[in-house]
Amino acid sequence: MPTPTTSQRPESDLYTPLSGVPLTAGQLPRGAAPLTLLVVALAALGLWQFADWSAAACAVLGALVYTLLIYVWSRAVEGSRKATDRFVTAVVTCAFLLALLPLISVVFTVLSHGLARFDTEFFSYSMRGVVGEGGGAYHAIMGTLIITALATLISVPVGMLSAIYLVEYGRGRLAKAITFFVDVMTGIPSIVAGLFAYALFALIFGPGVRMGIMGAVALSVLMIPVVVRSTEEMLKLVPNELREASYALAVPKWRTITKVVLPTALAGIATGVTLAIARVIGETAPLLITVGITSSDNFNPFDGRMATLSVFSYYEYVNPGVPPQFSLDRAWAAALTLIIIVMVLNLIARLISRLFAPKTRG
């Protein structure tokens, strides 16, 4: 007997729901994933505290258990498609939290050890005449700020002018060579910059010379590629229509750059410069070679050794006094101060980016 077609079926059968096929799927309770993550995190924390497991092993085991639990639970309730989505979300979440753990560990360790000497004496006294308890890092803080300011004074004009040449004027082999060497300088080790600055000044002043300006030159070698790259990318983002409109009014190219291009890219350039400063302010290896260390105040970068926070922290840690706890406390306090300075610089970069960004109409 032939099967009736759709047009031959009764009208009531055409609107009958498919029997046995669910039109809706189950769903996990609201907040199931965060709650499961919290329970697994507490269990991993318990293993770390009471079972004497390593923190890394507990974190990795917790991530695996959470991912497996949320996938199995979702597959049983919501089906394979939703379970796959939750599985990928769990993997991304766990990867983010695992990447965040070292940062949290560093901040917690520095805070727990550095707050012991985070007092007014630490910020107002140097280490001159101090053997055990007491003393501070006033000379190192001022040395860090002076040397970093000099490095910025050297790097920003060179980096910005190089970027302007590459974007606005650079064509041919010279521009390609500059771009190549900028890329190479971006990846050089910091100790190489320190050796370069020491060799340069040793040719002029003789071997054994130590000055703050040497450290500034070494840091500028590390800063210039970052400034060039960030400025170059910001200048490329300026629309060509703005340049063409200026040229159409018979404005010279140099004036177009100074009055149109640079003000438009100012926010991004300032942000890049601030991040470049934050990148070099904590360098230790080049300053060990070029600047050295001193226990007294020396704010003249052209005469003798100076102290910086990174080198001060290093020497307090490797050459502790008797008892060593006082030196270790000063080392941790200097590290905490350096972290705070870097954090403030990053906040300033965000503030500059927001305040000086080109205004757009909604």
Protein backbone atom coordinates (compact mmCIF):
# COMPACT_ATOMS: atom_id res chain seq x y z
CA MET A 1 0.00 0.00 0.00
CA PRO A 2 1.59 3.38 -0.97
CA THR A 3 2.55 5.86 1.78
CA PRO A 4 0.31 8.95 1.77
CA THR A 5 2.07 12.22 0.94
CA THR A 6 1.97 15.34 3.12
CA SER A 7 -0.96 16.76 1.17
CA GLN A 8 -2.92 13.49 1.65
CA ARG A 9 -2.40 13.36 5.48
CA PRO A 10 -5.13 14.64 7.81
CA GLU A 11 -4.64 18.25 8.85
CA SER A 12 -4.57 17.27 12.54
CA ASP A 13 -1.50 15.07 11.95
CA LEU A 14 0.49 17.95 10.43
CA TYR A 15 0.46 19.91 13.69
CA THR A 16 1.04 16.99 16.05
CA PRO A 17 4.40 17.34 17.94
CA LEU A 18 6.98 14.64 17.30
CA SER A 19 6.51 11.98 19.94
CA GLY A 20 9.59 11.00 21.93
CA VAL A 21 11.71 14.00 20.81
CA PRO A 22 12.34 16.50 23.65
CA LEU A 23 11.92 20.09 22.58
CA THR A 24 13.93 21.44 25.54
CA ALA A 25 17.12 20.27 27.22
CA GLY A 26 18.12 20.21 30.87
CA GLN A 27 20.24 22.95 32.34
CA LEU A 28 22.70 23.11 35.22
CA PRO A 29 21.70 25.21 38.20
CA ARG A 30 22.65 28.86 38.02
CA GLY A 31 26.11 29.37 39.48
CA ALA A 32 27.02 25.69 39.19
CA ALA A 33 30.37 26.34 37.49
CA PRO A 34 31.65 29.00 39.96
CA LEU A 35 30.47 26.92 42.92
CA THR A 36 32.21 23.80 41.59
CA LEU A 37 35.38 25.82 41.00
CA LEU A 38 35.22 27.16 44.57
CA VAL A 39 34.78 23.68 46.07
CA VAL A 40 37.66 22.26 44.03
CA ALA A 41 39.86 25.25 44.94
CA LEU A 42 39.15 24.73 48.65
CA ALA A 43 39.95 21.02 48.31
CA ALA A 44 43.23 21.84 46.55
CA LEU A 45 44.04 24.37 49.26
CA GLY A 46 43.39 21.71 51.89
CA LEU A 47 45.77 19.30 50.16
CA TRP A 48 48.42 22.01 50.09
CA GLN A 49 48.01 22.88 53.75
CA PHE A 50 47.44 19.48 55.37
CA ALA A 51 48.72 16.82 52.96
CA ASP A 52 52.07 18.58 52.38
CA TRP A 53 51.62 18.66 48.59
CA SER A 54 53.39 21.27 46.50
CA ALA A 55 51.37 24.30 45.45
CA ALA A 56 51.97 23.62 41.75
CA ALA A 57 50.75 20.01 42.02
CA CYS A 58 47.63 21.09 43.90
CA ALA A 59 46.85 23.80 41.32
CA VAL A 60 47.25 21.47 38.34
CA LEU A 61 45.25 18.68 40.01
CA GLY A 62 42.48 21.12 40.93
CA ALA A 63 42.29 22.40 37.35
CA LEU A 64 42.01 18.86 35.97
CA VAL A 65 39.38 17.80 38.52
CA TYR A 66 37.28 20.92 37.94
CA THR A 67 37.37 20.51 34.16
CA LEU A 68 36.42 16.82 34.38
CA LEU A 69 33.61 17.41 36.89
CA ILE A 70 31.97 20.24 34.99
CA TYR A 71 32.18 18.33 31.71
CA VAL A 72 30.69 15.09 33.07
CA TRP A 73 27.96 16.92 34.97
CA SER A 74 27.02 19.05 31.96
CA ARG A 75 27.01 16.07 29.59
CA ALA A 76 24.67 14.14 31.86
CA VAL A 77 22.24 17.05 32.25
CA GLU A 78 22.60 19.31 29.20
CA GLY A 79 23.86 17.05 26.44
CA SER A 80 27.08 16.79 24.49
CA ARG A 81 26.90 20.13 22.70
CA LYS A 82 26.54 22.24 25.84
CA ALA A 83 29.06 20.02 27.64
CA THR A 84 31.67 20.74 24.98
CA ASP A 85 31.07 24.45 25.39
CA ARG A 86 31.47 24.19 29.16
CA PHE A 87 34.61 22.06 28.71
CA VAL A 88 36.30 24.73 26.58
CA THR A 89 35.22 27.44 29.02
CA ALA A 90 36.65 25.44 31.91
CA VAL A 91 39.96 24.93 30.11
CA VAL A 92 40.29 28.66 29.37
CA THR A 93 39.35 29.60 32.95
CA CYS A 94 41.84 27.15 34.46
CA ALA A 95 44.60 28.30 32.13
CA PHE A 96 43.99 31.92 33.16
CA LEU A 97 44.00 31.07 36.88
CA LEU A 98 47.16 28.97 36.56
CA ALA A 99 48.89 31.84 34.77
CA LEU A 100 47.73 34.20 37.53
CA LEU A 101 49.09 32.07 40.39
CA PRO A 102 52.80 33.01 39.97
CA LEU A 103 51.92 36.71 39.95
CA ILE A 104 49.81 36.34 43.09
CA SER A 105 52.59 34.34 44.73
CA VAL A 106 55.20 37.01 43.93
CA VAL A 107 53.01 39.85 45.20
CA PHE A 108 52.12 37.97 48.39
CA THR A 109 55.75 37.01 49.11
CA VAL A 110 57.08 40.53 48.54
CA LEU A 111 54.32 42.08 50.65
CA SER A 112 54.74 39.63 53.53
CA HIS A 113 58.51 40.18 53.68
CA GLY A 114 58.76 43.82 52.62
CA LEU A 115 56.23 45.44 54.92
CA ALA A 116 58.50 44.80 57.93
CA ARG A 117 60.77 47.72 56.91
CA PHE A 118 58.24 49.85 55.05
CA ASP A 119 58.62 52.81 57.41
CA THR A 120 59.67 56.46 57.35
CA GLU A 121 63.28 55.63 58.22
CA PHE A 122 63.57 53.43 55.14
CA PHE A 123 62.50 56.32 52.88
CA SER A 124 64.48 59.11 54.57
CA TYR A 125 67.89 57.60 55.47
CA SER A 126 70.76 56.09 53.51
CA MET A 127 73.06 53.23 54.52
CA ARG A 128 76.04 55.40 55.45
CA GLY A 129 77.51 54.16 58.70
CA VAL A 130 74.82 51.48 59.13
CA VAL A 131 76.04 47.94 59.86
CA GLY A 132 73.07 46.08 61.34
CA GLU A 133 69.62 47.36 62.16
CA GLY A 134 68.27 50.59 60.72
CA GLY A 135 69.23 52.48 57.62
CA GLY A 136 67.18 53.00 54.52
CA ALA A 137 67.12 53.24 50.76
CA TYR A 138 66.67 56.98 50.25
CA HIS A 139 69.90 57.17 48.23
CA ALA A 140 68.82 54.19 46.10
CA ILE A 141 65.36 55.62 45.42
CA MET A 142 66.81 58.96 44.32
CA GLY A 143 69.47 57.23 42.24
CA THR A 144 66.83 55.13 40.49
CA LEU A 145 64.74 58.18 39.65
CA ILE A 146 67.73 60.24 38.42
CA ILE A 147 69.19 57.50 36.22
CA THR A 148 65.79 56.57 34.79
CA ALA A 149 65.01 60.23 34.06
CA LEU A 150 68.32 60.62 32.21
CA ALA A 151 67.66 57.42 30.25
CA THR A 152 64.23 58.78 29.29
CA LEU A 153 65.77 62.11 28.27
CA ILE A 154 68.14 60.25 25.93
CA SER A 155 65.71 57.64 24.60
CA VAL A 156 62.52 59.57 23.89
CA PRO A 157 63.91 62.09 21.35
CA VAL A 158 65.99 59.46 19.55
CA GLY A 159 63.15 56.93 19.51
CA MET A 160 60.46 59.38 18.43
CA LEU A 161 62.56 60.95 15.67
CA SER A 162 63.50 57.50 14.38
CA ALA A 163 59.86 56.47 14.30
CA ILE A 164 58.85 59.67 12.52
CA TYR A 165 61.52 59.03 9.90
CA LEU A 166 60.39 55.44 9.37
CA VAL A 167 56.71 56.34 8.99
CA GLU A 168 56.80 59.72 7.26
CA TYR A 169 60.05 59.76 5.30
CA GLY A 170 61.68 56.34 5.32
CA ARG A 171 61.94 54.60 1.96
CA GLY A 172 64.50 52.21 0.57
CA ARG A 173 67.44 50.43 2.13
CA LEU A 174 68.12 52.83 4.99
CA ALA A 175 64.62 52.47 6.40
CA LYS A 176 64.83 48.69 6.09
CA ALA A 177 68.21 48.67 7.84
CA ILE A 178 66.89 50.82 10.70
CA THR A 179 63.86 48.55 11.12
CA PHE A 180 66.10 45.48 11.14
CA PHE A 181 68.46 46.87 13.80
CA VAL A 182 65.54 48.04 15.93
CA ASP A 183 64.16 44.49 15.87
CA VAL A 184 67.60 43.14 16.82
CA MET A 185 67.99 45.64 19.68
CA THR A 186 64.59 44.69 21.06
CA GLY A 187 65.84 41.21 21.88
CA ILE A 188 69.36 41.86 23.17
CA PRO A 189 70.08 40.81 26.78
CA SER A 190 70.33 43.66 29.25
CA ILE A 191 73.86 42.63 30.27
CA VAL A 192 75.00 43.37 26.71
CA ALA A 193 73.71 46.95 27.03
CA GLY A 194 75.66 47.31 30.27
CA LEU A 195 78.86 45.98 28.69
CA PHE A 196 78.42 48.35 25.75
CA ALA A 197 78.05 51.39 28.02
CA TYR A 198 81.02 50.34 30.18
CA ALA A 199 83.26 49.78 27.13
CA LEU A 200 82.23 53.15 25.68
CA PHE A 201 83.05 55.13 28.82
CA ALA A 202 86.16 53.08 29.58
CA LEU A 203 87.61 54.28 26.27
CA ILE A 204 87.15 57.88 27.42
CA PHE A 205 87.74 57.80 31.19
CA GLY A 206 89.79 54.63 31.58
CA PRO A 207 88.98 51.22 33.10
CA GLY A 208 87.15 50.99 36.41
CA VAL A 209 85.00 54.05 35.84
CA ARG A 210 81.54 54.06 37.45
CA MET A 211 79.02 56.86 36.93
CA GLY A 212 75.28 57.29 36.89
CA ILE A 213 75.29 58.56 33.32
CA MET A 214 76.76 55.22 32.25
CA GLY A 215 73.72 53.46 33.67
CA ALA A 216 71.45 55.93 31.88
CA VAL A 217 73.16 55.17 28.56
CA ALA A 218 72.84 51.43 29.18
CA LEU A 219 69.13 51.76 29.97
CA SER A 220 68.59 53.98 26.95
CA VAL A 221 69.93 51.19 24.72
CA LEU A 222 67.10 49.03 26.09
CA MET A 223 64.49 51.80 25.93
CA ILE A 224 65.07 53.12 22.41
CA PRO A 225 63.71 50.04 20.54
CA VAL A 226 60.57 50.03 22.67
CA VAL A 227 59.98 53.75 22.08
CA VAL A 228 60.62 53.38 18.35
CA ARG A 229 58.21 50.46 18.00
CA SER A 230 55.40 51.97 20.07
CA THR A 231 55.69 55.39 18.40
CA GLU A 232 55.85 53.84 14.94
CA GLU A 233 52.68 51.85 15.49
CA MET A 234 50.84 54.89 16.85
CA LEU A 235 51.86 57.05 13.89
CA LYS A 236 50.67 54.37 11.48
CA LEU A 237 47.23 54.51 13.08
CA VAL A 238 46.80 58.19 12.20
CA PRO A 239 44.42 58.32 9.18
CA ASN A 240 46.02 59.43 5.93
CA GLU A 241 43.00 61.64 5.31
CA LEU A 242 44.25 64.01 8.02
CA ARG A 243 47.62 64.33 6.31
CA GLU A 244 46.00 64.84 2.90
CA ALA A 245 43.67 67.51 4.25
CA SER A 246 46.66 69.37 5.67
CA TYR A 247 48.59 69.07 2.41
CA ALA A 248 45.55 70.35 0.52
CA LEU A 249 45.77 73.57 2.56
CA ALA A 250 49.42 73.98 1.44
CA VAL A 251 50.78 73.13 4.90
CA PRO A 252 54.41 71.90 4.77
CA LYS A 253 55.12 68.33 5.71
CA TRP A 254 57.11 69.14 8.83
CA ARG A 255 54.28 71.33 10.11
CA THR A 256 51.73 68.63 9.28
CA ILE A 257 53.72 66.20 11.39
CA THR A 258 54.07 68.55 14.36
CA LYS A 259 50.55 70.02 14.29
CA VAL A 260 48.41 67.14 13.00
CA VAL A 261 50.09 63.75 13.20
CA LEU A 262 51.84 63.97 16.57
CA PRO A 263 48.90 65.50 18.50
CA THR A 264 46.61 62.78 17.13
CA ALA A 265 49.00 60.02 18.24
CA LEU A 266 50.00 61.71 21.51
CA ALA A 267 48.05 59.37 23.80
CA GLY A 268 49.54 56.21 22.34
CA ILE A 269 53.06 57.66 22.24
CA ALA A 270 52.91 58.78 25.87
CA THR A 271 51.59 55.38 26.91
CA GLY A 272 54.39 53.61 25.04
CA VAL A 273 57.04 55.84 26.62
CA THR A 274 55.65 55.24 30.10
CA LEU A 275 55.63 51.48 29.59
CA ALA A 276 59.20 51.64 28.27
CA ILE A 277 60.24 53.42 31.48
CA ALA A 278 58.50 50.75 33.55
CA ARG A 279 60.31 48.08 31.53
CA VAL A 280 63.85 49.38 32.32
CA ILE A 281 63.46 50.86 35.79
CA GLY A 282 63.93 47.46 37.42
CA GLU A 283 66.98 46.35 35.43
CA THR A 284 69.86 45.10 37.56
CA ALA A 285 72.57 43.57 35.36
CA PRO A 286 73.53 46.69 33.34
CA LEU A 287 73.52 48.86 36.47
CA LEU A 288 75.75 46.42 38.33
CA ILE A 289 78.40 46.92 35.66
CA THR A 290 78.03 50.63 34.97
CA VAL A 291 76.88 52.27 38.21
CA GLY A 292 77.86 49.92 41.02
CA ILE A 293 76.68 50.63 44.56
CA THR A 294 77.36 53.12 47.31
CA SER A 295 76.06 53.51 50.84
CA SER A 296 76.07 57.32 50.75
CA ASP A 297 74.00 59.93 48.97
CA ASN A 298 75.30 60.81 45.52
CA PHE A 299 72.88 62.67 43.29
CA ASN A 300 75.45 63.72 40.67
CA PRO A 301 75.25 61.23 37.78
CA PHE A 302 78.54 62.55 36.32
CA ASP A 303 80.68 61.93 39.38
CA GLY A 304 81.22 58.54 40.98
CA ARG A 305 79.04 55.60 41.91
CA MET A 306 75.33 55.83 42.61
CA ALA A 307 72.84 53.48 44.24
CA THR A 308 69.70 52.14 42.59
CA LEU A 309 66.87 50.12 44.08
CA SER A 310 67.50 46.97 42.07
CA VAL A 311 71.25 46.89 42.81
CA PHE A 312 70.63 47.88 46.45
CA SER A 313 68.22 44.96 46.86
CA TYR A 314 70.71 42.60 45.20
CA TYR A 315 73.64 43.58 47.44
CA GLU A 316 71.55 43.50 50.61
CA TYR A 317 70.52 39.96 49.72
CA VAL A 318 73.90 38.51 48.66
CA ASN A 319 75.99 40.35 51.29
CA PRO A 320 73.88 40.28 54.46
CA GLY A 321 75.31 41.51 57.71
CA VAL A 322 75.30 39.85 61.12
CA PRO A 323 72.58 39.03 61.93
CA PRO A 324 71.39 38.76 58.31
CA GLN A 325 67.70 39.43 58.96
CA PHE A 326 68.09 43.22 58.91
CA SER A 327 69.70 43.17 55.46
CA LEU A 328 67.09 40.77 54.13
CA ASP A 329 64.30 43.02 55.39
CA ARG A 330 65.84 45.99 53.58
CA ALA A 331 66.18 43.92 50.39
CA TRP A 332 62.51 42.91 50.45
CA ALA A 333 61.44 46.50 51.22
CA ALA A 334 63.45 47.77 48.24
CA ALA A 335 61.83 45.15 46.00
CA LEU A 336 58.38 46.20 47.22
CA THR A 337 59.19 49.86 46.54
CA LEU A 338 60.30 49.00 43.02
CA ILE A 339 57.08 47.05 42.36
CA ILE A 340 55.01 49.99 43.59
CA ILE A 341 56.88 52.39 41.29
CA VAL A 342 56.29 50.10 38.30
CA MET A 343 52.61 49.78 39.22
CA VAL A 344 52.26 53.57 39.48
CA LEU A 345 53.90 53.98 36.07
CA ASN A 346 51.45 51.52 34.53
CA LEU A 347 48.53 53.38 36.11
CA ILE A 348 49.91 56.66 34.75
CA ALA A 349 50.12 55.08 31.29
CA ARG A 350 46.46 54.08 31.46
CA LEU A 351 45.48 57.55 32.71
CA ILE A 352 47.41 59.26 29.90
CA SER A 353 45.82 56.97 27.34
CA ARG A 354 42.36 57.88 28.61
CA LEU A 355 42.88 61.62 29.04
CA PHE A 356 44.71 62.36 25.81
CA ALA A 357 42.91 59.97 23.48
CA PRO A 358 41.33 61.68 20.46
CA LYS A 359 37.72 62.57 21.20
CA THR A 360 35.16 60.95 18.92
CA ARG A 361 31.54 61.83 18.51
CA GLY A 362 29.01 59.16 19.33
